[in-house]
C-alpha atoms as a PDB file:
ATOM      1  CA  MET A   1     -34.559 -74.752 -29.100  1.00  0.00           C
ATOM      2  CA  LYS A   2     -31.819 -75.254 -26.518  1.00  0.00           C
ATOM      3  CA  ILE A   3     -31.813 -78.928 -25.485  1.00  0.00           C
ATOM      4  CA  LEU A   4     -29.864 -80.620 -22.704  1.00  0.00           C
ATOM      5  CA  VAL A   5     -29.436 -84.394 -22.557  1.00  0.00           C
ATOM      6  CA  CYS A   6     -28.274 -85.954 -19.293  1.00  0.00           C
ATOM      7  CA  ILE A   7     -26.111 -89.004 -19.941  1.00  0.00           C
ATOM      8  CA  SER A   8     -24.656 -91.659 -17.674  1.00  0.00           C
ATOM      9  CA  HIS A   9     -21.307 -93.412 -18.000  1.00  0.00           C
ATOM     10  CA  VAL A  10     -22.146 -97.103 -17.466  1.00  0.00           C
ATOM     11  CA  PRO A  11     -20.430-100.471 -17.978  1.00  0.00           C
ATOM     12  CA  ASP A  12     -21.162-102.112 -21.325  1.00  0.00           C
ATOM     13  CA  THR A  13     -23.722-104.860 -20.840  1.00  0.00           C
ATOM     14  CA  THR A  14     -21.384-107.332 -22.561  1.00  0.00           C
ATOM     15  CA  ALA A  15     -18.464-106.598 -20.213  1.00  0.00           C
ATOM     16  CA  LYS A  16     -17.297-109.212 -17.748  1.00  0.00           C
ATOM     17  CA  ILE A  17     -17.846-107.570 -14.366  1.00  0.00           C
ATOM     18  CA  GLN A  18     -15.452-108.191 -11.485  1.00  0.00           C
ATOM     19  CA  PHE A  19     -15.673-106.834  -7.967  1.00  0.00           C
ATOM     20  CA  THR A  20     -12.954-105.608  -5.639  1.00  0.00           C
ATOM     21  CA  ALA A  21     -11.802-107.648  -2.667  1.00  0.00           C
ATOM     22  CA  GLY A  22     -14.701-107.924  -0.274  1.00  0.00           C
ATOM     23  CA  GLY A  23     -17.228-107.552  -3.097  1.00  0.00           C
ATOM     24  CA  THR A  24     -18.160-103.989  -2.151  1.00  0.00           C
ATOM     25  CA  ALA A  25     -17.270-102.135  -5.361  1.00  0.00           C
ATOM     26  CA  LEU A  26     -16.944-102.612  -9.102  1.00  0.00           C
ATOM     27  CA  ASP A  27     -13.411-103.248 -10.352  1.00  0.00           C
ATOM     28  CA  PRO A  28     -13.209-101.015 -13.458  1.00  0.00           C
ATOM     29  CA  ASN A  29     -10.075-102.705 -14.842  1.00  0.00           C
ATOM     30  CA  GLY A  30     -10.819-104.175 -18.249  1.00  0.00           C
ATOM     31  CA  VAL A  31     -14.422-102.930 -18.286  1.00  0.00           C
ATOM     32  CA  GLN A  32     -15.589-100.969 -21.320  1.00  0.00           C
ATOM     33  CA  PHE A  33     -17.832 -98.032 -20.383  1.00  0.00           C
ATOM     34  CA  VAL A  34     -20.473 -96.605 -22.726  1.00  0.00           C
ATOM     35  CA  ILE A  35     -23.288 -94.074 -22.858  1.00  0.00           C
ATOM     36  CA  ASN A  36     -26.252 -95.483 -20.981  1.00  0.00           C
ATOM     37  CA  PRO A  37     -28.443 -96.879 -23.809  1.00  0.00           C
ATOM     38  CA  TYR A  38     -31.601 -95.121 -22.585  1.00  0.00           C
ATOM     39  CA  ASP A  39     -29.690 -91.833 -22.500  1.00  0.00           C
ATOM     40  CA  GLU A  40     -28.458 -92.538 -26.019  1.00  0.00           C
ATOM     41  CA  PHE A  41     -32.092 -92.898 -27.139  1.00  0.00           C
ATOM     42  CA  GLY A  42     -32.715 -89.515 -25.515  1.00  0.00           C
ATOM     43  CA  LEU A  43     -29.745 -88.036 -27.388  1.00  0.00           C
ATOM     44  CA  THR A  44     -31.146 -89.397 -30.643  1.00  0.00           C
ATOM     45  CA  LYS A  45     -34.524 -87.795 -29.868  1.00  0.00           C
ATOM     46  CA  ALA A  46     -32.800 -84.486 -29.102  1.00  0.00           C
ATOM     47  CA  LEU A  47     -30.967 -84.610 -32.428  1.00  0.00           C
ATOM     48  CA  GLN A  48     -34.240 -85.321 -34.253  1.00  0.00           C
ATOM     49  CA  LEU A  49     -35.822 -82.286 -32.570  1.00  0.00           C
ATOM     50  CA  LYS A  50     -32.806 -80.143 -33.458  1.00  0.00           C
ATOM     51  CA  GLU A  51     -33.022 -81.233 -37.100  1.00  0.00           C
ATOM     52  CA  LYS A  52     -36.741 -80.422 -37.198  1.00  0.00           C
ATOM     53  CA  HIS A  53     -36.830 -77.173 -35.171  1.00  0.00           C
ATOM     54  CA  GLY A  54     -33.232 -75.927 -35.091  1.00  0.00           C
ATOM     55  CA  GLY A  55     -31.259 -75.095 -31.979  1.00  0.00           C
ATOM     56  CA  SER A  56     -28.471 -76.855 -30.134  1.00  0.00           C
ATOM     57  CA  VAL A  57     -27.922 -80.050 -28.170  1.00  0.00           C
ATOM     58  CA  THR A  58     -25.690 -80.159 -25.097  1.00  0.00           C
ATOM     59  CA  VAL A  59     -24.876 -83.336 -23.166  1.00  0.00           C
ATOM     60  CA  ILE A  60     -23.974 -83.369 -19.491  1.00  0.00           C
ATOM     61  CA  THR A  61     -22.711 -85.995 -17.067  1.00  0.00           C
ATOM     62  CA  TYR A  62     -21.332 -86.025 -13.541  1.00  0.00           C
ATOM     63  CA  GLY A  63     -17.984 -87.721 -13.007  1.00  0.00           C
ATOM     64  CA  ASP A  64     -14.210 -87.485 -13.072  1.00  0.00           C
ATOM     65  CA  ALA A  65     -11.964 -87.402 -16.160  1.00  0.00           C
ATOM     66  CA  THR A  66     -12.667 -91.084 -16.892  1.00  0.00           C
ATOM     67  CA  VAL A  67     -16.115 -90.144 -18.273  1.00  0.00           C
ATOM     68  CA  GLU A  68     -14.703 -88.001 -21.091  1.00  0.00           C
ATOM     69  CA  PRO A  69     -14.668 -90.823 -23.693  1.00  0.00           C
ATOM     70  CA  THR A  70     -18.404 -91.215 -23.092  1.00  0.00           C
ATOM     71  CA  LEU A  71     -18.932 -87.486 -23.654  1.00  0.00           C
ATOM     72  CA  ARG A  72     -16.798 -87.622 -26.805  1.00  0.00           C
ATOM     73  CA  LYS A  73     -18.964 -90.426 -28.182  1.00  0.00           C
ATOM     74  CA  ALA A  74     -22.018 -88.203 -27.614  1.00  0.00           C
ATOM     75  CA  LEU A  75     -20.234 -85.430 -29.526  1.00  0.00           C
ATOM     76  CA  ALA A  76     -19.477 -87.891 -32.344  1.00  0.00           C
ATOM     77  CA  ILE A  77     -23.140 -88.907 -32.492  1.00  0.00           C
ATOM     78  CA  GLY A  78     -24.058 -85.256 -33.022  1.00  0.00           C
ATOM     79  CA  ALA A  79     -24.191 -83.264 -29.775  1.00  0.00           C
ATOM     80  CA  ASP A  80     -22.955 -79.695 -30.174  1.00  0.00           C
ATOM     81  CA  ASP A  81     -21.447 -79.296 -26.699  1.00  0.00           C
ATOM     82  CA  ALA A  82     -20.489 -81.473 -23.742  1.00  0.00           C
ATOM     83  CA  VAL A  83     -20.226 -80.585 -20.049  1.00  0.00           C
ATOM     84  CA  ARG A  84     -18.646 -82.713 -17.336  1.00  0.00           C
ATOM     85  CA  LEU A  85     -19.542 -81.836 -13.759  1.00  0.00           C
ATOM     86  CA  ASP A  86     -16.271 -82.701 -12.065  1.00  0.00           C
ATOM     87  CA  GLY A  87     -16.635 -85.087  -9.144  1.00  0.00           C
ATOM     88  CA  VAL A  88     -17.189 -88.647  -8.065  1.00  0.00           C
ATOM     89  CA  PRO A  89     -20.864 -89.571  -7.823  1.00  0.00           C
ATOM     90  CA  THR A  90     -21.777 -91.198  -4.515  1.00  0.00           C
ATOM     91  CA  ASP A  91     -25.570 -91.521  -4.800  1.00  0.00           C
ATOM     92  CA  SER A  92     -28.555 -90.417  -6.836  1.00  0.00           C
ATOM     93  CA  MET A  93     -29.409 -87.488  -4.540  1.00  0.00           C
ATOM     94  CA  GLN A  94     -25.928 -86.005  -4.944  1.00  0.00           C
ATOM     95  CA  VAL A  95     -26.050 -86.360  -8.734  1.00  0.00           C
ATOM     96  CA  ALA A  96     -29.555 -84.869  -8.886  1.00  0.00           C
ATOM     97  CA  SER A  97     -28.536 -81.905  -6.707  1.00  0.00           C
ATOM     98  CA  GLU A  98     -25.428 -81.175  -8.766  1.00  0.00           C
ATOM     99  CA  LEU A  99     -27.270 -81.434 -12.069  1.00  0.00           C
ATOM    100  CA  ALA A 100     -30.104 -79.209 -10.839  1.00  0.00           C
ATOM    101  CA  ALA A 101     -27.655 -76.622  -9.486  1.00  0.00           C
ATOM    102  CA  TYR A 102     -25.786 -76.462 -12.790  1.00  0.00           C
ATOM    103  CA  ILE A 103     -28.859 -76.530 -15.026  1.00  0.00           C
ATOM    104  CA  SER A 104     -30.748 -73.763 -13.172  1.00  0.00           C
ATOM    105  CA  GLY A 105     -30.257 -70.508 -14.981  1.00  0.00           C
ATOM    106  CA  GLN A 106     -28.689 -72.066 -18.095  1.00  0.00           C
ATOM    107  CA  GLY A 107     -31.771 -71.344 -20.190  1.00  0.00           C
ATOM    108  CA  PHE A 108     -32.490 -74.824 -21.525  1.00  0.00           C
ATOM    109  CA  ASP A 109     -35.886 -75.224 -23.171  1.00  0.00           C
ATOM    110  CA  LEU A 110     -35.949 -79.004 -22.902  1.00  0.00           C
ATOM    111  CA  ILE A 111     -34.043 -81.457 -20.712  1.00  0.00           C
ATOM    112  CA  ILE A 112     -34.081 -85.116 -21.726  1.00  0.00           C
ATOM    113  CA  CYS A 113     -33.045 -87.992 -19.480  1.00  0.00           C
ATOM    114  CA  GLY A 114     -33.068 -91.728 -20.110  1.00  0.00           C
ATOM    115  CA  GLN A 115     -35.863 -93.570 -18.337  1.00  0.00           C
ATOM    116  CA  GLU A 116     -33.271 -95.405 -16.188  1.00  0.00           C
ATOM    117  CA  SER A 117     -29.586 -96.276 -16.102  1.00  0.00           C
ATOM    118  CA  ILE A 118     -28.525 -99.832 -16.794  1.00  0.00           C
ATOM    119  CA  ASP A 119     -26.008 -99.909 -13.941  1.00  0.00           C
ATOM    120  CA  TYR A 120     -28.424 -99.406 -11.023  1.00  0.00           C
ATOM    121  CA  ASN A 121     -31.732 -99.449 -12.939  1.00  0.00           C
ATOM    122  CA  GLY A 122     -32.926 -96.591 -10.773  1.00  0.00           C
ATOM    123  CA  GLY A 123     -34.277 -93.902 -13.061  1.00  0.00           C
ATOM    124  CA  VAL A 124     -34.610 -91.610 -10.047  1.00  0.00           C
ATOM    125  CA  VAL A 125     -32.244 -88.702 -10.750  1.00  0.00           C
ATOM    126  CA  PRO A 126     -34.718 -86.495 -12.694  1.00  0.00           C
ATOM    127  CA  GLY A 127     -37.415 -87.183 -10.094  1.00  0.00           C
ATOM    128  CA  LEU A 128     -35.067 -86.088  -7.319  1.00  0.00           C
ATOM    129  CA  TRP A 129     -34.430 -82.659  -8.776  1.00  0.00           C
ATOM    130  CA  PRO A 130     -35.641 -80.101  -6.259  1.00  0.00           C
ATOM    131  CA  ALA A 131     -39.226 -78.982  -6.661  1.00  0.00           C
ATOM    132  CA  ASN A 132     -38.124 -75.343  -6.892  1.00  0.00           C
ATOM    133  CA  CYS A 133     -36.307 -75.949 -10.179  1.00  0.00           C
ATOM    134  CA  ALA A 134     -38.003 -74.285 -13.111  1.00  0.00           C
ATOM    135  CA  PHE A 135     -38.520 -77.460 -15.139  1.00  0.00           C
ATOM    136  CA  PRO A 136     -41.435 -79.824 -14.554  1.00  0.00           C
ATOM    137  CA  LEU A 137     -41.034 -83.563 -15.115  1.00  0.00           C
ATOM    138  CA  SER A 138     -43.040 -85.822 -17.359  1.00  0.00           C
ATOM    139  CA  MET A 139     -42.352 -89.480 -16.587  1.00  0.00           C
ATOM    140  CA  ARG A 140     -43.444 -90.660 -20.002  1.00  0.00           C
ATOM    141  CA  ALA A 141     -41.379 -91.255 -23.083  1.00  0.00           C
ATOM    142  CA  LEU A 142     -41.268 -88.213 -25.322  1.00  0.00           C
ATOM    143  CA  ALA A 143     -43.664 -88.841 -28.173  1.00  0.00           C
ATOM    144  CA  SER A 144     -42.204 -88.564 -31.638  1.00  0.00           C
ATOM    145  CA  THR A 145     -44.953 -86.098 -32.518  1.00  0.00           C
ATOM    146  CA  LEU A 146     -43.767 -83.175 -30.372  1.00  0.00           C
ATOM    147  CA  LYS A 147     -44.761 -80.140 -32.434  1.00  0.00           C
ATOM    148  CA  VAL A 148     -43.846 -77.275 -30.123  1.00  0.00           C
ATOM    149  CA  PRO A 149     -40.769 -75.544 -31.558  1.00  0.00           C
ATOM    150  CA  LYS A 150     -40.287 -73.246 -28.544  1.00  0.00           C
ATOM    151  CA  PRO A 151     -41.869 -74.342 -25.244  1.00  0.00           C
ATOM    152  CA  LYS A 152     -43.245 -71.554 -23.065  1.00  0.00           C
ATOM    153  CA  HIS A 153     -41.652 -73.179 -20.005  1.00  0.00           C
ATOM    154  CA  SER A 154     -38.622 -75.358 -19.565  1.00  0.00           C
ATOM    155  CA  ALA A 155     -39.525 -79.022 -19.465  1.00  0.00           C
ATOM    156  CA  ARG A 156     -37.802 -82.349 -18.966  1.00  0.00           C
ATOM    157  CA  TRP A 157     -38.699 -85.777 -20.225  1.00  0.00           C
ATOM    158  CA  THR A 158     -37.493 -89.291 -19.682  1.00  0.00           C
ATOM    159  CA  GLU A 159     -36.827 -91.214 -22.870  1.00  0.00           C
ATOM    160  CA  GLY A 160     -37.220 -94.893 -23.617  1.00  0.00           C
ATOM    161  CA  ARG A 161     -36.273 -96.892 -26.674  1.00  0.00           C
ATOM    162  CA  LYS A 162     -39.672 -96.979 -28.419  1.00  0.00           C
ATOM    163  CA  HIS A 163     -39.393 -93.821 -30.480  1.00  0.00           C
ATOM    164  CA  SER A 164     -35.680 -93.259 -31.040  1.00  0.00           C
ATOM    165  CA  PRO A 165     -33.458 -95.699 -32.905  1.00  0.00           C
ATOM    166  CA  ARG A 166     -29.772 -95.343 -32.036  1.00  0.00           C
ATOM    167  CA  ARG A 167     -27.338 -93.466 -34.248  1.00  0.00           C
ATOM    168  CA  PHE A 168     -23.861 -94.767 -34.899  1.00  0.00           C
ATOM    169  CA  PRO A 169     -21.090 -92.257 -35.628  1.00  0.00           C
ATOM    170  CA  SER A 170     -18.803 -92.720 -38.604  1.00  0.00           C
ATOM    171  CA  TRP A 171     -15.029 -92.920 -38.183  1.00  0.00           C
ATOM    172  CA  LEU A 172     -14.749 -89.306 -39.374  1.00  0.00           C
ATOM    173  CA  GLU A 173     -17.311 -88.119 -36.801  1.00  0.00           C
ATOM    174  CA  VAL A 174     -15.392 -89.921 -34.046  1.00  0.00           C
ATOM    175  CA  LYS A 175     -12.162 -88.293 -35.237  1.00  0.00           C
ATOM    176  CA  LYS A 176     -13.749 -84.819 -35.255  1.00  0.00           C
ATOM    177  CA  ALA A 177     -15.216 -85.370 -31.781  1.00  0.00           C
ATOM    178  CA  SER A 178     -11.766 -86.157 -30.381  1.00  0.00           C
ATOM    179  CA  SER A 179     -10.721 -82.562 -31.009  1.00  0.00           C
ATOM    180  CA  LYS A 180     -13.874 -80.906 -29.621  1.00  0.00           C
ATOM    181  CA  ARG A 181     -13.671 -79.227 -26.232  1.00  0.00           C
ATOM    182  CA  VAL A 182     -15.388 -80.876 -23.270  1.00  0.00           C
ATOM    183  CA  SER A 183     -16.258 -78.223 -20.688  1.00  0.00           C
ATOM    184  CA  SER A 184     -15.663 -79.014 -17.040  1.00  0.00           C
ATOM    185  CA  ALA A 185     -17.582 -77.412 -14.197  1.00  0.00           C
ATOM    186  CA  SER A 186     -17.013 -77.690 -10.460  1.00  0.00           C
ATOM    187  CA  PRO A 187     -19.708 -78.996  -8.132  1.00  0.00           C
ATOM    188  CA  THR A 188     -21.808 -76.162  -6.765  1.00  0.00           C
ATOM    189  CA  CYS A 189     -23.872 -77.655  -3.973  1.00  0.00           C
ATOM    190  CA  ALA A 190     -22.825 -76.344  -0.587  1.00  0.00           C
ATOM    191  CA  ALA A 191     -23.747 -79.625   1.116  1.00  0.00           C
ATOM    192  CA  LEU A 192     -20.929 -81.482  -0.651  1.00  0.00           C
END
């Protein structure tokens, strides 16, 4: 089973948030960024499915080079591959379009997204993927009893915290992840 997990690079909930002059943007100085917790639950679910049915787990995010530590943490947790769509996200529609454009034709059997991101609490990106994409959306948490080793059609799920406890990488796993390659892809949408 070829699984893709979409992850977001979000400020840690314990970080002290400051805004730029005028209060129009987040000041990232001194803010620790992490994998969105709901996406991390999705990654854990993907790893459980991989352990049970075999296959591979790839993580993907949209952002500039500053998101690479987040991707490396996902690799340390157990993802096999990481892809960074190179760009600066401006809104959910742009992110959804870029993800859909990249994912189409990649042959993923299952795409898992967190139920929402903790920065904007939107949870809209998977729902904004164009209707012509070959993967239907289920807006429920993936049940821990999924028994289909090879779906007949690509599918995507949103994941909540109910069924997937977080995994914490060891120091050795973090060290190994630092030497793994993070692929970078250019945006593909013509509208951008």
